[in-house]
Amino acid sequence: MTDYTTQSIRRSYDRVAEEYARHLFHELEQKPLDRELLNRFAASVAAHGEVCDLGCGPGHVARYLQAAGANVFGIDLSSRMVEQGRQLNPGISFREGNMLALDLPDEALAGITAFYAIVNIPEGSHPAVFREMARILKPGGLLLIAFHVGDEVLQPKELWGQPISMDFLFFQPSSIRLHLEAAGLQVEEIIEREPYAPEVEHQSRRAYIFARKPPR
């Protein structure tokens, strides 16, 4: 992924950060499967160390994980999203970071959530992203990733009234699985669902993958 693409994504999310938080901060209240999977994730990692919510946005997933017992912090490319996270979740740490080069030591984390964190990242950059995730996970550490299913590339010119310049990408679970396994992660489960109601979310099929770094 080029520096220009990265900067375009950052600027776009900076512009929409407040409206993003206003529209999506409470979305998990209407997504029972998402809550169930986050509860499973939190129960698996809670006793094993810190967890990072990558691409955390305004921090609603991190907030849910904390309430479920996880020791969680958030990382996002957008400084304005990080500001929203800090304002809305004062008991959780948020920081800026790029998934392609994370400022975290090797084997630092018990778990990672990445809910739609790859939605703007071209598939050609997935090997680098997943290698970074594998690098910072402890042996036995768990990843839970969510994404839109399909082959579409959406190119909206605005979002919630703000101009943006970034693609929204859909992926096939079989392709994501191959990239995860190539990065050294073991895929444990793939779950798919149809979209919730139009007032809840964009009408796309969703996939969730649990993947684990092999224990030593």
Foldseek 3Di string as FASTA:
>chain_A
DDPVQLVQVQVQCLQCLVVCCVQPLPLVVVPVVVLVVLLVQLVQQLVPAEEEEEQQFLNSSVVSSVVSRHRYAYEHQYPNSQVNNCVVCVVHHYDYDDLLDGPAAFQHHQEYEYELVCQQPDPVCLLSNLLSVLRNHHAFHKYKYKFFADADKDADQHDPPHGGGTIGGHYHPVSNCVSNVVSQKAWDDKDKDFDDDPSSDDGTIMIMIMIGRHHD
